[in-house]
Protein backbone atom coordinates (compact mmCIF):
# COMPACT_ATOMS: atom_id res chain seq x y z
CA UNK A 1 88.87 32.55 24.82
CA UNK A 2 87.51 33.10 20.66
CA UNK A 3 86.88 30.31 19.18
CA UNK A 4 86.94 30.76 15.36
CA UNK A 5 88.76 34.49 15.12
CA UNK A 6 91.38 36.06 17.07
CA UNK A 7 91.76 39.80 18.77
CA UNK A 8 94.34 40.52 15.94
CA UNK A 9 91.25 39.77 13.09
CA UNK A 10 89.04 42.42 14.86
CA UNK A 11 92.23 45.02 15.43
CA UNK A 12 93.00 44.71 11.46
CA UNK A 13 89.10 46.29 11.21
CA UNK A 14 89.57 49.01 13.75
CA UNK A 15 93.08 49.88 13.16
CA UNK A 16 93.18 53.11 13.00
CA UNK A 17 90.37 54.29 16.09
CA UNK A 18 92.68 52.34 18.62
CA UNK A 19 95.78 54.87 18.16
CA UNK A 20 98.31 55.70 16.24
CA UNK A 21 101.15 53.66 17.88
CA UNK A 22 99.42 50.90 19.03
CA UNK A 23 100.12 47.54 17.03
CA UNK A 24 97.73 45.27 19.02
CA UNK A 25 94.92 45.01 21.65
CA UNK A 26 96.90 45.16 25.10
CA UNK A 27 96.08 46.20 28.78
CA UNK A 28 96.93 50.13 27.86
CA UNK A 29 94.47 50.17 25.15
CA UNK A 30 90.89 51.44 24.75
CA UNK A 31 89.07 48.69 24.95
CA UNK A 32 91.91 46.27 26.73
CA UNK A 33 92.67 42.87 25.23
CA UNK A 34 90.63 41.25 27.89
CA UNK A 35 87.50 43.41 27.15
CA UNK A 36 87.70 42.32 23.32
CA UNK A 37 88.43 38.61 24.42
CA UNK A 38 84.99 38.89 26.73
CA UNK A 39 83.36 40.17 23.83
CA UNK A 40 84.79 37.18 21.32
CA UNK A 41 83.29 34.93 23.76
CA UNK A 42 79.89 37.14 23.74
CA UNK A 43 79.82 36.63 20.09
CA UNK A 44 80.78 32.84 20.07
CA UNK A 45 77.81 32.48 22.57
CA UNK A 46 75.26 33.94 20.19
CA UNK A 47 76.44 32.16 17.17
CA UNK A 48 76.42 28.75 19.47
CA UNK A 49 72.76 29.80 21.12
CA UNK A 50 71.84 30.48 16.99
CA UNK A 51 72.71 27.31 15.71
CA UNK A 52 71.73 25.46 18.45
CA UNK A 53 68.62 26.68 17.67
CA UNK A 54 68.10 25.13 14.86
CA UNK A 55 69.45 22.02 16.24
CA UNK A 56 73.10 22.06 14.81
CA UNK A 57 75.14 20.14 17.65
CA UNK A 58 77.99 19.86 18.03
CA UNK A 59 78.90 23.36 16.32
CA UNK A 60 80.63 22.89 13.49
CA UNK A 61 84.82 23.24 13.87
CA UNK A 62 86.12 20.84 10.93
CA UNK A 63 84.55 22.29 7.96
CA UNK A 64 87.25 24.70 6.64
CA UNK A 65 84.24 27.48 5.60
CA UNK A 66 82.04 26.77 8.27
CA UNK A 67 85.00 28.11 10.48
CA UNK A 68 86.01 31.02 8.24
CA UNK A 69 82.39 32.05 8.16
CA UNK A 70 81.78 32.06 12.01
CA UNK A 71 85.04 33.71 12.46
CA UNK A 72 83.95 36.47 10.38
CA UNK A 73 80.56 36.93 12.25
CA UNK A 74 82.32 36.76 15.47
CA UNK A 75 84.89 39.30 14.02
CA UNK A 76 82.05 41.40 12.79
CA UNK A 77 80.14 41.25 16.55
CA UNK A 78 83.48 42.20 18.59
CA UNK A 79 84.34 45.09 15.81
CA UNK A 80 80.60 46.72 16.58
CA UNK A 81 81.02 46.17 20.43
CA UNK A 82 84.89 47.88 20.04
CA UNK A 83 83.52 50.81 17.99
CA UNK A 84 80.64 51.69 20.13
CA UNK A 85 83.34 51.65 23.21
CA UNK A 86 85.23 53.93 21.07
CA UNK A 87 82.22 56.24 20.29
CA UNK A 88 81.38 56.37 23.84
CA UNK A 89 84.65 57.18 24.83
CA UNK A 90 84.49 60.61 23.29
CA UNK A 91 81.26 61.61 24.90
CA UNK A 92 78.88 62.07 21.36
CA UNK A 93 75.60 60.11 22.77
CA UNK A 94 74.66 60.45 19.64
CA UNK A 95 77.64 58.65 17.70
CA UNK A 96 75.87 54.88 16.32
CA UNK A 97 79.87 53.88 15.25
CA UNK A 98 79.25 50.05 15.42
CA UNK A 99 75.80 49.31 15.64
CA UNK A 100 75.69 48.26 12.25
CA UNK A 101 78.19 45.57 12.99
CA UNK A 102 75.84 44.07 15.67
CA UNK A 103 72.26 44.87 13.42
CA UNK A 104 74.11 42.72 10.76
CA UNK A 105 75.29 40.15 13.15
CA UNK A 106 72.05 39.73 15.02
CA UNK A 107 70.56 39.89 11.12
CA UNK A 108 72.56 37.11 10.18
CA UNK A 109 71.02 34.93 13.59
CA UNK A 110 67.63 35.63 12.13
CA UNK A 111 67.90 34.43 8.47
CA UNK A 112 69.79 31.24 10.32
CA UNK A 113 66.58 30.99 11.91
CA UNK A 114 64.04 31.43 9.29
CA UNK A 115 66.05 29.18 6.97
CA UNK A 116 66.36 26.35 9.58
CA UNK A 117 65.71 23.29 7.40
CA UNK A 118 68.08 24.53 4.42
CA UNK A 119 70.85 25.74 7.22
CA UNK A 120 70.57 21.90 8.56
CA UNK A 121 70.95 20.37 5.15
CA UNK A 122 73.80 22.40 4.63
CA UNK A 123 76.38 21.53 7.71
CA UNK A 124 75.06 17.59 7.35
CA UNK A 125 78.09 15.45 6.92
CA UNK A 126 78.87 15.14 3.67
CA UNK A 127 76.77 18.74 2.39
CA UNK A 128 78.79 22.13 1.55
CA UNK A 129 78.88 24.16 4.10
CA UNK A 130 79.17 27.34 1.81
CA UNK A 131 74.91 26.90 0.67
CA UNK A 132 74.37 28.07 4.16
CA UNK A 133 75.57 31.65 3.49
CA UNK A 134 73.02 32.05 0.98
CA UNK A 135 70.02 31.20 3.77
CA UNK A 136 67.70 33.27 1.39
CA UNK A 137 67.39 30.47 -1.37
CA UNK A 138 65.12 28.33 0.54
CA UNK A 139 63.08 26.01 -1.73
CA UNK A 140 60.02 25.90 1.11
CA UNK A 141 60.11 29.87 1.67
CA UNK A 142 57.84 32.32 0.50
CA UNK A 143 59.72 33.04 -2.71
CA UNK A 144 60.08 29.76 -3.73
CA UNK A 145 60.56 28.67 -7.63
CA UNK A 146 56.83 27.44 -9.31
CA UNK A 147 57.00 26.06 -12.89
CA UNK A 148 55.34 29.21 -13.32
CA UNK A 149 58.30 31.36 -12.98
CA UNK A 150 60.53 29.52 -15.61
CA UNK A 151 57.91 30.97 -18.06
CA UNK A 152 59.68 33.58 -20.42
CA UNK A 153 58.19 37.23 -19.13
CA UNK A 154 59.59 38.57 -22.62
CA UNK A 155 59.22 38.98 -25.98
CA UNK A 156 61.64 38.34 -28.58
CA UNK A 157 62.07 42.00 -29.97
CA UNK A 158 61.75 42.97 -26.72
CA UNK A 159 64.74 45.53 -26.31
CA UNK A 160 66.02 45.89 -22.38
């Protein structure tokens, strides 16, 4: 079963693709509710593996922002899988609908891995998990600020 999101969250993103009369995933929709739940489990598994790779255990489930962020990522993964199935069902092999969501999901995992220290600090007790959303601010990374970065690079009479 899904850990952070629900099939309803995914359905809200693909409502118009499932059919005009469908109000939720079921055994008669394409894809079925069981398939969607399985993909949600896959997404959660990938998220947990990603977090474990930066030594975040146990997986945070109490911080409300962390749960919301992880739910969004789980939903994004599952939406991508749903869109891929629907695109393939039409027989158009060139249709890549859903691939962007899947690529984005895995890019987020790579950002987490690339910014291990920042993410670990964000998930420590007492710290804000909100900072984990902005991985690119890694102070040890190649784009770290130095004192030279604070010097003005414009003149007083310069127009923008």
